[in-house]
Amino acid sequence: MDALSSTVSTVCLAAGSFFVIVGCIGLIRMPDRYTRMHAASVTDTLGAGLVLFGLLLQSGALLVAAKLVTLGLLIFFASPTATHALARAARMHEPATADGAKGDGPSTR
């Protein structure tokens, strides 16, 4: 591995680790469920993506690289979908507000 790919890999791994740590702190410190879900989704998508890209640069075998790309695509598509479903379920099961409005009911579309 040459010096450039080693440097880029190290930067990606460090940046991904930083985003994962900041997201974990955000899960603890954020005030309500929606901002905690946002911190978790950013951590999952951006942090894991950077870590996987850094590992992809270090992988030598084609099979390992294919597995890392597959895992990255799974995270890229599944994480936002799961976060959206979780937020929608939380919104639907919220108690009524002061004006009597409740969360969104099941979609009629």
N, C-alpha and C. Protein backbone atom coordinates (compact mmCIF):
# COMPACT_ATOMS: atom_id res chain seq x y z
N MET A 1 0.86 -1.18 0.00
CA MET A 1 0.00 0.00 0.00
C MET A 1 0.90 1.23 0.00
N ASP A 2 0.61 2.17 -0.87
CA ASP A 2 1.44 3.35 -0.95
C ASP A 2 1.09 4.36 0.14
N ALA A 3 1.88 5.39 0.23
CA ALA A 3 1.73 6.37 1.32
C ALA A 3 0.43 7.15 1.20
N LEU A 4 0.01 7.47 -0.01
CA LEU A 4 -1.21 8.26 -0.18
C LEU A 4 -2.45 7.49 0.28
N SER A 5 -2.59 6.25 -0.14
CA SER A 5 -3.77 5.48 0.27
C SER A 5 -3.73 5.18 1.77
N SER A 6 -2.54 5.02 2.32
CA SER A 6 -2.42 4.80 3.76
C SER A 6 -2.85 6.06 4.53
N THR A 7 -2.46 7.21 4.04
CA THR A 7 -2.84 8.47 4.69
C THR A 7 -4.33 8.71 4.59
N VAL A 8 -4.89 8.51 3.40
CA VAL A 8 -6.33 8.71 3.21
C VAL A 8 -7.12 7.72 4.07
N SER A 9 -6.65 6.48 4.15
CA SER A 9 -7.31 5.47 4.97
C SER A 9 -7.28 5.87 6.45
N THR A 10 -6.15 6.36 6.91
CA THR A 10 -6.04 6.78 8.31
C THR A 10 -6.95 7.96 8.60
N VAL A 11 -7.02 8.91 7.68
CA VAL A 11 -7.90 10.07 7.87
C VAL A 11 -9.36 9.63 7.90
N CYS A 12 -9.76 8.74 7.00
CA CYS A 12 -11.14 8.24 6.98
C CYS A 12 -11.48 7.48 8.26
N LEU A 13 -10.57 6.64 8.72
CA LEU A 13 -10.82 5.90 9.96
C LEU A 13 -10.92 6.84 11.16
N ALA A 14 -10.05 7.85 11.20
CA ALA A 14 -10.10 8.81 12.32
C ALA A 14 -11.37 9.65 12.27
N ALA A 15 -11.74 10.12 11.08
CA ALA A 15 -12.96 10.93 10.96
C ALA A 15 -14.21 10.09 11.28
N GLY A 16 -14.24 8.86 10.80
CA GLY A 16 -15.37 7.98 11.10
C GLY A 16 -15.47 7.69 12.59
N SER A 17 -14.34 7.45 13.21
CA SER A 17 -14.34 7.22 14.67
C SER A 17 -14.80 8.45 15.42
N PHE A 18 -14.39 9.63 14.96
CA PHE A 18 -14.83 10.88 15.57
C PHE A 18 -16.34 11.02 15.49
N PHE A 19 -16.92 10.76 14.32
CA PHE A 19 -18.37 10.88 14.16
C PHE A 19 -19.12 9.85 15.01
N VAL A 20 -18.57 8.66 15.13
CA VAL A 20 -19.21 7.64 15.96
C VAL A 20 -19.19 8.06 17.44
N ILE A 21 -18.07 8.60 17.90
CA ILE A 21 -17.97 9.04 19.30
C ILE A 21 -18.90 10.22 19.56
N VAL A 22 -18.93 11.19 18.64
CA VAL A 22 -19.82 12.34 18.81
C VAL A 22 -21.29 11.89 18.79
N GLY A 23 -21.62 10.95 17.94
CA GLY A 23 -22.99 10.43 17.90
C GLY A 23 -23.37 9.72 19.18
N CYS A 24 -22.43 8.98 19.75
CA CYS A 24 -22.71 8.31 21.03
C CYS A 24 -22.92 9.31 22.15
N ILE A 25 -22.13 10.37 22.15
CA ILE A 25 -22.33 11.43 23.14
C ILE A 25 -23.68 12.10 22.91
N GLY A 26 -24.04 12.30 21.64
CA GLY A 26 -25.34 12.88 21.32
C GLY A 26 -26.50 12.03 21.79
N LEU A 27 -26.35 10.71 21.72
CA LEU A 27 -27.41 9.82 22.22
C LEU A 27 -27.64 10.01 23.71
N ILE A 28 -26.59 10.32 24.42
CA ILE A 28 -26.72 10.50 25.87
C ILE A 28 -27.22 11.90 26.22
N ARG A 29 -26.74 12.91 25.50
CA ARG A 29 -26.98 14.29 25.90
C ARG A 29 -28.19 14.97 25.28
N MET A 30 -28.73 14.45 24.21
CA MET A 30 -29.84 15.12 23.54
C MET A 30 -31.11 15.03 24.38
N PRO A 31 -31.98 16.07 24.30
CA PRO A 31 -33.10 16.15 25.22
C PRO A 31 -34.30 15.27 24.91
N ASP A 32 -34.60 15.03 23.63
CA ASP A 32 -35.81 14.26 23.34
C ASP A 32 -35.51 13.16 22.33
N ARG A 33 -36.52 12.34 22.07
CA ARG A 33 -36.30 11.15 21.25
C ARG A 33 -35.96 11.46 19.81
N TYR A 34 -36.46 12.55 19.27
CA TYR A 34 -36.23 12.84 17.86
C TYR A 34 -34.79 13.32 17.62
N THR A 35 -34.28 14.13 18.51
CA THR A 35 -32.89 14.55 18.34
C THR A 35 -31.93 13.40 18.64
N ARG A 36 -32.30 12.51 19.52
CA ARG A 36 -31.46 11.32 19.76
C ARG A 36 -31.47 10.41 18.53
N MET A 37 -32.62 10.29 17.87
CA MET A 37 -32.67 9.50 16.64
C MET A 37 -31.82 10.13 15.54
N HIS A 38 -31.80 11.45 15.49
CA HIS A 38 -30.97 12.14 14.50
C HIS A 38 -29.50 11.86 14.77
N ALA A 39 -29.09 11.93 16.03
CA ALA A 39 -27.69 11.65 16.37
C ALA A 39 -27.33 10.21 16.01
N ALA A 40 -28.23 9.29 16.25
CA ALA A 40 -27.95 7.89 15.92
C ALA A 40 -27.88 7.66 14.42
N SER A 41 -28.74 8.33 13.66
CA SER A 41 -28.72 8.10 12.21
C SER A 41 -27.49 8.71 11.56
N VAL A 42 -27.04 9.87 12.04
CA VAL A 42 -25.81 10.46 11.51
C VAL A 42 -24.62 9.58 11.84
N THR A 43 -24.60 9.07 13.06
CA THR A 43 -23.52 8.18 13.47
C THR A 43 -23.49 6.94 12.60
N ASP A 44 -24.65 6.37 12.39
CA ASP A 44 -24.72 5.12 11.64
C ASP A 44 -24.34 5.31 10.18
N THR A 45 -24.84 6.35 9.56
CA THR A 45 -24.60 6.53 8.13
C THR A 45 -23.22 7.11 7.85
N LEU A 46 -22.91 8.24 8.43
CA LEU A 46 -21.65 8.91 8.11
C LEU A 46 -20.45 8.26 8.79
N GLY A 47 -20.57 7.99 10.09
CA GLY A 47 -19.44 7.40 10.81
C GLY A 47 -19.08 6.02 10.31
N ALA A 48 -20.08 5.17 10.17
CA ALA A 48 -19.81 3.82 9.68
C ALA A 48 -19.36 3.83 8.23
N GLY A 49 -19.90 4.76 7.43
CA GLY A 49 -19.48 4.86 6.04
C GLY A 49 -18.01 5.24 5.90
N LEU A 50 -17.56 6.19 6.70
CA LEU A 50 -16.16 6.57 6.66
C LEU A 50 -15.25 5.46 7.16
N VAL A 51 -15.66 4.78 8.21
CA VAL A 51 -14.85 3.65 8.70
C VAL A 51 -14.77 2.55 7.65
N LEU A 52 -15.89 2.25 7.02
CA LEU A 52 -15.88 1.22 5.98
C LEU A 52 -15.03 1.63 4.78
N PHE A 53 -15.07 2.91 4.41
CA PHE A 53 -14.24 3.37 3.30
C PHE A 53 -12.76 3.29 3.65
N GLY A 54 -12.42 3.64 4.90
CA GLY A 54 -11.03 3.51 5.33
C GLY A 54 -10.57 2.07 5.32
N LEU A 55 -11.43 1.15 5.74
CA LEU A 55 -11.09 -0.28 5.70
C LEU A 55 -11.01 -0.79 4.26
N LEU A 56 -11.85 -0.24 3.40
CA LEU A 56 -11.83 -0.64 1.99
C LEU A 56 -10.49 -0.28 1.35
N LEU A 57 -9.95 0.88 1.71
CA LEU A 57 -8.65 1.27 1.17
C LEU A 57 -7.53 0.37 1.67
N GLN A 58 -7.69 -0.19 2.86
CA GLN A 58 -6.66 -1.06 3.42
C GLN A 58 -6.80 -2.51 2.99
N SER A 59 -7.97 -2.89 2.53
CA SER A 59 -8.18 -4.30 2.17
C SER A 59 -7.42 -4.61 0.90
N GLY A 60 -6.79 -5.76 0.89
CA GLY A 60 -6.03 -6.15 -0.27
C GLY A 60 -6.80 -7.09 -1.18
N ALA A 61 -7.57 -7.96 -0.60
CA ALA A 61 -8.27 -8.99 -1.36
C ALA A 61 -9.57 -8.45 -1.96
N LEU A 62 -9.90 -8.93 -3.10
CA LEU A 62 -11.12 -8.50 -3.78
C LEU A 62 -12.36 -8.96 -3.03
N LEU A 63 -12.33 -10.14 -2.44
CA LEU A 63 -13.48 -10.66 -1.70
C LEU A 63 -13.77 -9.81 -0.47
N VAL A 64 -12.73 -9.40 0.22
CA VAL A 64 -12.93 -8.54 1.40
C VAL A 64 -13.51 -7.19 0.97
N ALA A 65 -13.01 -6.64 -0.12
CA ALA A 65 -13.52 -5.36 -0.62
C ALA A 65 -14.99 -5.48 -1.03
N ALA A 66 -15.35 -6.59 -1.66
CA ALA A 66 -16.74 -6.80 -2.06
C ALA A 66 -17.65 -6.90 -0.83
N LYS A 67 -17.18 -7.56 0.21
CA LYS A 67 -17.98 -7.66 1.43
C LYS A 67 -18.14 -6.30 2.10
N LEU A 68 -17.09 -5.48 2.10
CA LEU A 68 -17.18 -4.14 2.69
C LEU A 68 -18.13 -3.25 1.90
N VAL A 69 -18.10 -3.35 0.58
CA VAL A 69 -19.01 -2.56 -0.24
C VAL A 69 -20.46 -3.01 0.00
N THR A 70 -20.67 -4.30 0.08
CA THR A 70 -22.02 -4.82 0.36
C THR A 70 -22.53 -4.34 1.71
N LEU A 71 -21.68 -4.38 2.71
CA LEU A 71 -22.05 -3.91 4.04
C LEU A 71 -22.34 -2.40 4.02
N GLY A 72 -21.54 -1.65 3.28
CA GLY A 72 -21.78 -0.21 3.16
C GLY A 72 -23.10 0.10 2.49
N LEU A 73 -23.44 -0.63 1.44
CA LEU A 73 -24.73 -0.42 0.77
C LEU A 73 -25.90 -0.78 1.68
N LEU A 74 -25.75 -1.85 2.44
CA LEU A 74 -26.79 -2.23 3.39
C LEU A 74 -27.02 -1.14 4.43
N ILE A 75 -25.95 -0.60 4.97
CA ILE A 75 -26.07 0.48 5.95
C ILE A 75 -26.66 1.72 5.29
N PHE A 76 -26.22 2.04 4.08
CA PHE A 76 -26.67 3.23 3.38
C PHE A 76 -28.17 3.22 3.13
N PHE A 77 -28.73 2.06 2.82
CA PHE A 77 -30.17 1.98 2.54
C PHE A 77 -31.01 1.66 3.78
N ALA A 78 -30.51 0.82 4.67
CA ALA A 78 -31.31 0.37 5.80
C ALA A 78 -31.37 1.39 6.94
N SER A 79 -30.30 2.12 7.17
CA SER A 79 -30.27 3.04 8.31
C SER A 79 -31.28 4.18 8.19
N PRO A 80 -31.34 4.92 7.09
CA PRO A 80 -32.36 5.98 7.01
C PRO A 80 -33.78 5.42 7.03
N THR A 81 -33.98 4.28 6.43
CA THR A 81 -35.31 3.67 6.42
C THR A 81 -35.74 3.28 7.84
N ALA A 82 -34.84 2.69 8.58
CA ALA A 82 -35.15 2.30 9.96
C ALA A 82 -35.37 3.52 10.84
N THR A 83 -34.58 4.55 10.66
CA THR A 83 -34.76 5.77 11.45
C THR A 83 -36.10 6.43 11.14
N HIS A 84 -36.48 6.46 9.87
CA HIS A 84 -37.77 7.03 9.50
C HIS A 84 -38.92 6.22 10.10
N ALA A 85 -38.84 4.91 10.03
CA ALA A 85 -39.90 4.07 10.59
C ALA A 85 -40.00 4.24 12.10
N LEU A 86 -38.86 4.36 12.75
CA LEU A 86 -38.84 4.56 14.20
C LEU A 86 -39.45 5.90 14.58
N ALA A 87 -39.10 6.95 13.84
CA ALA A 87 -39.65 8.28 14.12
C ALA A 87 -41.15 8.32 13.86
N ARG A 88 -41.59 7.67 12.81
CA ARG A 88 -43.02 7.65 12.50
C ARG A 88 -43.80 6.89 13.56
N ALA A 89 -43.27 5.77 14.01
CA ALA A 89 -43.94 5.00 15.06
C ALA A 89 -43.99 5.79 16.36
N ALA A 90 -42.92 6.50 16.66
CA ALA A 90 -42.92 7.32 17.88
C ALA A 90 -43.93 8.45 17.77
N ARG A 91 -44.02 9.04 16.60
CA ARG A 91 -44.98 10.14 16.39
C ARG A 91 -46.42 9.64 16.48
N MET A 92 -46.70 8.46 15.96
CA MET A 92 -48.06 7.93 15.98
C MET A 92 -48.51 7.55 17.39
N HIS A 93 -47.57 7.22 18.26
CA HIS A 93 -47.93 6.76 19.60
C HIS A 93 -47.69 7.82 20.67
N GLU A 94 -47.55 9.09 20.24
CA GLU A 94 -47.40 10.16 21.22
C GLU A 94 -48.74 10.43 21.89
N PRO A 95 -48.69 10.85 23.14
CA PRO A 95 -49.95 11.24 23.79
C PRO A 95 -50.48 12.54 23.16
N ALA A 96 -51.75 12.80 23.38
CA ALA A 96 -52.38 14.00 22.82
C ALA A 96 -51.73 15.25 23.39
N THR A 97 -51.63 16.30 22.56
CA THR A 97 -51.05 17.56 23.00
C THR A 97 -52.11 18.39 23.69
N ALA A 98 -51.74 19.60 24.09
CA ALA A 98 -52.66 20.47 24.84
C ALA A 98 -53.88 20.85 24.01
N ASP A 99 -53.71 20.97 22.68
CA ASP A 99 -54.86 21.35 21.86
C ASP A 99 -55.69 20.15 21.41
N GLY A 100 -55.38 18.98 21.91
CA GLY A 100 -56.15 17.78 21.60
C GLY A 100 -55.66 17.03 20.38
N ALA A 101 -54.68 17.58 19.69
CA ALA A 101 -54.17 16.91 18.49
C ALA A 101 -53.28 15.73 18.91
N LYS A 102 -53.42 14.66 18.20
CA LYS A 102 -52.61 13.49 18.47
C LYS A 102 -51.67 13.29 17.30
N GLY A 103 -50.73 12.40 17.44
CA GLY A 103 -49.80 12.12 16.35
C GLY A 103 -50.51 11.65 15.10
N ASP A 104 -49.79 11.61 14.01
CA ASP A 104 -50.36 11.17 12.75
C ASP A 104 -50.95 9.77 12.89
N GLY A 105 -52.09 9.58 12.36
CA GLY A 105 -52.69 8.26 12.34
C GLY A 105 -52.15 7.47 11.16
N PRO A 106 -52.66 6.28 10.94
CA PRO A 106 -52.23 5.50 9.78
C PRO A 106 -52.53 6.25 8.50
N SER A 107 -51.66 6.11 7.54
CA SER A 107 -51.81 6.83 6.28
C SER A 107 -53.01 6.29 5.52
N THR A 108 -53.78 7.21 4.92
CA THR A 108 -54.95 6.81 4.14
C THR A 108 -54.64 6.86 2.65
N ARG A 109 -53.43 7.19 2.30
CA ARG A 109 -53.05 7.28 0.89
C ARG A 109 -52.73 5.94 0.32
